[in-house]
Amino acid sequence: MFFFKKIPSITTTELEEMLPKKPMIVDVREPQEFSSGHIPTAKNIPLKKINSYQTKAPVYIICQSGMRSKQAVKLLRAKGIDAVNVKGGMMSWSGKVRGGKL
């Protein structure tokens, strides 16, 4: 019996390499966390509101460490959305950031 289904994931480096193609990125952290620094093209939809999210395009989900994004990906995939987890979250992100004190 499988309790843990493998969810599709990419690294922050892989996501950064995709930025020129303008992938859809959703940050599931709370608004105050998001405003402290996020990927410039990311849209903020807190985890507690992710169930109402709809899209036909593939979406890359990020949070602070990767735990909330995993939960969000499971919820979205159960709804038929092509969602991919970003491993390591913003703690692993080394690309450009908007907001926060850098």
N, C-alpha and C. Protein backbone atom coordinates (compact mmCIF):
# COMPACT_ATOMS: atom_id res chain seq x y z
N MET A 1 0.85 -1.19 0.00
CA MET A 1 0.00 0.00 0.00
C MET A 1 0.89 1.24 0.00
N PHE A 2 0.62 2.16 -0.94
CA PHE A 2 1.40 3.39 -1.02
C PHE A 2 0.70 4.53 -0.31
N PHE A 3 1.34 5.06 0.70
CA PHE A 3 0.81 6.26 1.36
C PHE A 3 1.41 7.50 0.74
N PHE A 4 2.61 7.36 0.19
CA PHE A 4 3.30 8.51 -0.38
C PHE A 4 3.45 8.30 -1.88
N LYS A 5 2.63 9.00 -2.63
CA LYS A 5 2.77 8.97 -4.09
C LYS A 5 3.88 9.94 -4.45
N LYS A 6 4.71 9.54 -5.38
CA LYS A 6 5.77 10.44 -5.81
C LYS A 6 5.14 11.59 -6.60
N ILE A 7 5.43 12.81 -6.15
CA ILE A 7 4.88 13.95 -6.87
C ILE A 7 5.96 14.55 -7.76
N PRO A 8 5.57 15.08 -8.91
CA PRO A 8 6.57 15.67 -9.81
C PRO A 8 7.25 16.86 -9.13
N SER A 9 8.55 16.91 -9.23
CA SER A 9 9.32 17.99 -8.59
C SER A 9 10.46 18.43 -9.49
N ILE A 10 10.86 19.68 -9.32
CA ILE A 10 12.05 20.20 -9.97
C ILE A 10 12.86 20.96 -8.92
N THR A 11 14.11 21.22 -9.23
CA THR A 11 14.94 21.99 -8.31
C THR A 11 14.76 23.49 -8.60
N THR A 12 15.22 24.31 -7.67
CA THR A 12 15.14 25.76 -7.89
C THR A 12 16.03 26.16 -9.06
N THR A 13 17.13 25.46 -9.26
CA THR A 13 18.02 25.73 -10.39
C THR A 13 17.31 25.46 -11.72
N GLU A 14 16.58 24.33 -11.77
CA GLU A 14 15.83 24.00 -12.98
C GLU A 14 14.75 25.05 -13.25
N LEU A 15 14.08 25.51 -12.19
CA LEU A 15 13.06 26.54 -12.36
C LEU A 15 13.68 27.85 -12.86
N GLU A 16 14.81 28.20 -12.29
CA GLU A 16 15.48 29.44 -12.70
C GLU A 16 15.86 29.39 -14.18
N GLU A 17 16.29 28.22 -14.65
CA GLU A 17 16.65 28.06 -16.07
C GLU A 17 15.42 28.19 -16.97
N MET A 18 14.23 27.92 -16.43
CA MET A 18 13.00 28.00 -17.21
C MET A 18 12.42 29.42 -17.28
N LEU A 19 12.89 30.34 -16.44
CA LEU A 19 12.30 31.67 -16.35
C LEU A 19 12.15 32.40 -17.68
N PRO A 20 13.11 32.29 -18.62
CA PRO A 20 12.92 32.97 -19.91
C PRO A 20 11.65 32.52 -20.65
N LYS A 21 11.17 31.31 -20.36
CA LYS A 21 9.96 30.80 -21.01
C LYS A 21 8.68 31.22 -20.27
N LYS A 22 8.85 32.00 -19.19
CA LYS A 22 7.74 32.54 -18.40
C LYS A 22 6.80 31.45 -17.86
N PRO A 23 7.33 30.51 -17.08
CA PRO A 23 6.45 29.48 -16.50
C PRO A 23 5.51 30.12 -15.47
N MET A 24 4.36 29.50 -15.26
CA MET A 24 3.43 29.98 -14.26
C MET A 24 3.92 29.49 -12.89
N ILE A 25 4.22 30.44 -11.99
CA ILE A 25 4.74 30.11 -10.66
C ILE A 25 3.76 30.61 -9.61
N VAL A 26 3.38 29.71 -8.71
CA VAL A 26 2.50 30.09 -7.60
C VAL A 26 3.26 29.87 -6.30
N ASP A 27 3.30 30.93 -5.48
CA ASP A 27 3.95 30.89 -4.17
C ASP A 27 2.84 30.72 -3.13
N VAL A 28 2.87 29.61 -2.37
CA VAL A 28 1.78 29.30 -1.45
C VAL A 28 2.06 29.76 -0.01
N ARG A 29 3.06 30.63 0.17
CA ARG A 29 3.32 31.18 1.51
C ARG A 29 2.27 32.23 1.85
N GLU A 30 2.23 32.60 3.11
CA GLU A 30 1.32 33.66 3.56
C GLU A 30 1.78 35.00 2.96
N PRO A 31 0.84 35.97 2.80
CA PRO A 31 1.20 37.26 2.18
C PRO A 31 2.40 37.96 2.80
N GLN A 32 2.53 37.92 4.13
CA GLN A 32 3.67 38.60 4.75
C GLN A 32 4.99 37.91 4.42
N GLU A 33 4.96 36.57 4.26
CA GLU A 33 6.17 35.84 3.85
C GLU A 33 6.50 36.19 2.40
N PHE A 34 5.48 36.21 1.56
CA PHE A 34 5.63 36.53 0.14
C PHE A 34 6.26 37.91 -0.03
N SER A 35 5.76 38.89 0.72
CA SER A 35 6.26 40.26 0.58
C SER A 35 7.69 40.41 1.11
N SER A 36 8.15 39.44 1.90
CA SER A 36 9.52 39.52 2.41
C SER A 36 10.55 39.09 1.36
N GLY A 37 10.07 38.60 0.21
CA GLY A 37 10.95 38.24 -0.89
C GLY A 37 10.40 37.07 -1.67
N HIS A 38 10.18 37.27 -2.98
CA HIS A 38 9.62 36.22 -3.83
C HIS A 38 10.19 36.31 -5.24
N ILE A 39 9.99 35.25 -6.01
CA ILE A 39 10.41 35.23 -7.41
C ILE A 39 9.57 36.30 -8.12
N PRO A 40 10.21 37.19 -8.90
CA PRO A 40 9.49 38.32 -9.49
C PRO A 40 8.20 37.98 -10.25
N THR A 41 8.14 36.86 -10.94
CA THR A 41 6.94 36.53 -11.73
C THR A 41 5.93 35.69 -10.97
N ALA A 42 6.21 35.35 -9.71
CA ALA A 42 5.33 34.47 -8.93
C ALA A 42 4.05 35.18 -8.51
N LYS A 43 2.98 34.40 -8.46
CA LYS A 43 1.68 34.87 -7.99
C LYS A 43 1.49 34.29 -6.58
N ASN A 44 1.01 35.10 -5.65
CA ASN A 44 0.82 34.62 -4.27
C ASN A 44 -0.60 34.11 -4.06
N ILE A 45 -0.71 32.81 -3.78
CA ILE A 45 -1.98 32.19 -3.41
C ILE A 45 -1.67 31.32 -2.19
N PRO A 46 -1.98 31.82 -0.97
CA PRO A 46 -1.67 31.04 0.23
C PRO A 46 -2.25 29.63 0.17
N LEU A 47 -1.57 28.69 0.82
CA LEU A 47 -1.99 27.29 0.81
C LEU A 47 -3.46 27.12 1.18
N LYS A 48 -3.93 27.89 2.17
CA LYS A 48 -5.33 27.73 2.60
C LYS A 48 -6.34 28.14 1.52
N LYS A 49 -5.88 28.85 0.47
CA LYS A 49 -6.78 29.27 -0.61
C LYS A 49 -6.53 28.52 -1.92
N ILE A 50 -5.56 27.60 -1.92
CA ILE A 50 -5.14 26.95 -3.17
C ILE A 50 -6.23 26.09 -3.78
N ASN A 51 -7.15 25.59 -2.98
CA ASN A 51 -8.21 24.72 -3.50
C ASN A 51 -9.09 25.41 -4.54
N SER A 52 -9.19 26.75 -4.48
CA SER A 52 -10.03 27.47 -5.45
C SER A 52 -9.26 27.82 -6.72
N TYR A 53 -7.96 27.53 -6.79
CA TYR A 53 -7.14 27.87 -7.94
C TYR A 53 -7.48 26.99 -9.14
N GLN A 54 -7.58 27.62 -10.29
CA GLN A 54 -7.87 26.91 -11.54
C GLN A 54 -6.90 27.36 -12.62
N THR A 55 -6.41 26.45 -13.41
CA THR A 55 -5.59 26.78 -14.56
C THR A 55 -5.54 25.57 -15.50
N LYS A 56 -5.33 25.83 -16.76
CA LYS A 56 -5.17 24.75 -17.74
C LYS A 56 -3.68 24.53 -18.02
N ALA A 57 -2.85 25.53 -17.71
CA ALA A 57 -1.42 25.45 -17.99
C ALA A 57 -0.68 24.76 -16.84
N PRO A 58 0.49 24.20 -17.12
CA PRO A 58 1.31 23.65 -16.04
C PRO A 58 1.68 24.77 -15.06
N VAL A 59 1.76 24.44 -13.78
CA VAL A 59 2.06 25.44 -12.77
C VAL A 59 3.13 24.89 -11.82
N TYR A 60 4.04 25.76 -11.43
CA TYR A 60 5.14 25.39 -10.53
C TYR A 60 4.85 26.01 -9.18
N ILE A 61 4.85 25.17 -8.14
CA ILE A 61 4.44 25.59 -6.81
C ILE A 61 5.66 25.69 -5.89
N ILE A 62 5.80 26.85 -5.21
CA ILE A 62 6.93 27.07 -4.31
C ILE A 62 6.42 27.61 -2.97
N CYS A 63 7.16 27.32 -1.91
CA CYS A 63 6.86 27.88 -0.58
C CYS A 63 8.21 28.22 0.06
N GLN A 64 8.30 28.18 1.38
CA GLN A 64 9.55 28.51 2.03
C GLN A 64 10.57 27.37 1.96
N SER A 65 10.12 26.15 2.31
CA SER A 65 11.07 25.03 2.38
C SER A 65 10.71 23.85 1.48
N GLY A 66 9.48 23.80 0.98
CA GLY A 66 9.06 22.69 0.13
C GLY A 66 7.94 21.85 0.71
N MET A 67 7.60 22.05 1.98
CA MET A 67 6.56 21.23 2.60
C MET A 67 5.15 21.67 2.17
N ARG A 68 4.86 22.96 2.25
CA ARG A 68 3.53 23.45 1.85
C ARG A 68 3.32 23.28 0.35
N SER A 69 4.39 23.45 -0.42
CA SER A 69 4.24 23.30 -1.87
C SER A 69 3.89 21.86 -2.22
N LYS A 70 4.44 20.89 -1.49
CA LYS A 70 4.09 19.49 -1.72
C LYS A 70 2.61 19.26 -1.47
N GLN A 71 2.09 19.83 -0.37
CA GLN A 71 0.67 19.70 -0.06
C GLN A 71 -0.17 20.32 -1.18
N ALA A 72 0.22 21.50 -1.61
CA ALA A 72 -0.52 22.20 -2.66
C ALA A 72 -0.53 21.40 -3.96
N VAL A 73 0.63 20.83 -4.32
CA VAL A 73 0.72 20.04 -5.55
C VAL A 73 -0.23 18.84 -5.47
N LYS A 74 -0.27 18.17 -4.34
CA LYS A 74 -1.18 17.03 -4.18
C LYS A 74 -2.63 17.45 -4.36
N LEU A 75 -3.01 18.57 -3.75
CA LEU A 75 -4.39 19.07 -3.89
C LEU A 75 -4.71 19.43 -5.33
N LEU A 76 -3.81 20.14 -5.99
CA LEU A 76 -4.05 20.57 -7.37
C LEU A 76 -4.08 19.39 -8.33
N ARG A 77 -3.17 18.43 -8.16
CA ARG A 77 -3.14 17.27 -9.05
C ARG A 77 -4.41 16.43 -8.89
N ALA A 78 -4.96 16.39 -7.67
CA ALA A 78 -6.21 15.67 -7.43
C ALA A 78 -7.36 16.31 -8.21
N LYS A 79 -7.21 17.60 -8.54
CA LYS A 79 -8.22 18.32 -9.33
C LYS A 79 -7.91 18.28 -10.82
N GLY A 80 -6.85 17.57 -11.19
CA GLY A 80 -6.50 17.44 -12.60
C GLY A 80 -5.59 18.54 -13.13
N ILE A 81 -5.01 19.35 -12.24
CA ILE A 81 -4.11 20.42 -12.66
C ILE A 81 -2.68 19.88 -12.71
N ASP A 82 -1.96 20.23 -13.77
CA ASP A 82 -0.58 19.80 -13.95
C ASP A 82 0.32 20.68 -13.06
N ALA A 83 0.47 20.28 -11.79
CA ALA A 83 1.25 21.04 -10.82
C ALA A 83 2.56 20.32 -10.51
N VAL A 84 3.63 21.12 -10.34
CA VAL A 84 4.96 20.58 -10.08
C VAL A 84 5.53 21.28 -8.84
N ASN A 85 6.07 20.49 -7.93
CA ASN A 85 6.66 21.01 -6.71
C ASN A 85 8.07 21.55 -6.99
N VAL A 86 8.41 22.68 -6.35
CA VAL A 86 9.77 23.22 -6.43
C VAL A 86 10.48 22.83 -5.14
N LYS A 87 11.41 21.86 -5.25
CA LYS A 87 12.10 21.31 -4.08
C LYS A 87 12.95 22.36 -3.39
N GLY A 88 12.88 22.37 -2.06
CA GLY A 88 13.73 23.27 -1.28
C GLY A 88 13.16 24.66 -1.09
N GLY A 89 12.16 25.02 -1.88
CA GLY A 89 11.48 26.30 -1.74
C GLY A 89 12.41 27.51 -1.83
N MET A 90 11.93 28.62 -1.27
CA MET A 90 12.67 29.87 -1.34
C MET A 90 13.99 29.79 -0.56
N MET A 91 14.08 28.86 0.39
CA MET A 91 15.35 28.69 1.12
C MET A 91 16.46 28.24 0.18
N SER A 92 16.11 27.58 -0.91
CA SER A 92 17.10 27.10 -1.89
C SER A 92 17.23 28.03 -3.10
N TRP A 93 16.35 29.00 -3.21
CA TRP A 93 16.34 29.89 -4.38
C TRP A 93 17.52 30.84 -4.34
N SER A 94 18.27 30.91 -5.44
CA SER A 94 19.41 31.83 -5.50
C SER A 94 19.26 32.86 -6.62
N GLY A 95 18.11 32.82 -7.29
CA GLY A 95 17.86 33.76 -8.38
C GLY A 95 17.38 35.11 -7.88
N LYS A 96 16.92 35.93 -8.80
CA LYS A 96 16.41 37.26 -8.46
C LYS A 96 15.20 37.16 -7.56
N VAL A 97 15.07 38.15 -6.67
CA VAL A 97 13.96 38.19 -5.73
C VAL A 97 13.37 39.59 -5.75
N ARG A 98 12.05 39.68 -5.68
CA ARG A 98 11.38 40.98 -5.57
C ARG A 98 10.87 41.11 -4.15
N GLY A 99 11.00 42.31 -3.58
CA GLY A 99 10.53 42.55 -2.21
C GLY A 99 11.61 42.17 -1.20
N GLY A 100 11.30 42.35 0.05
CA GLY A 100 12.24 41.98 1.11
C GLY A 100 13.37 42.98 1.23
N LYS A 101 14.26 42.70 2.12
CA LYS A 101 15.41 43.59 2.37
C LYS A 101 16.68 42.86 1.95
N LEU A 102 17.15 43.18 0.76
CA LEU A 102 18.38 42.52 0.27
C LEU A 102 19.51 43.53 0.19
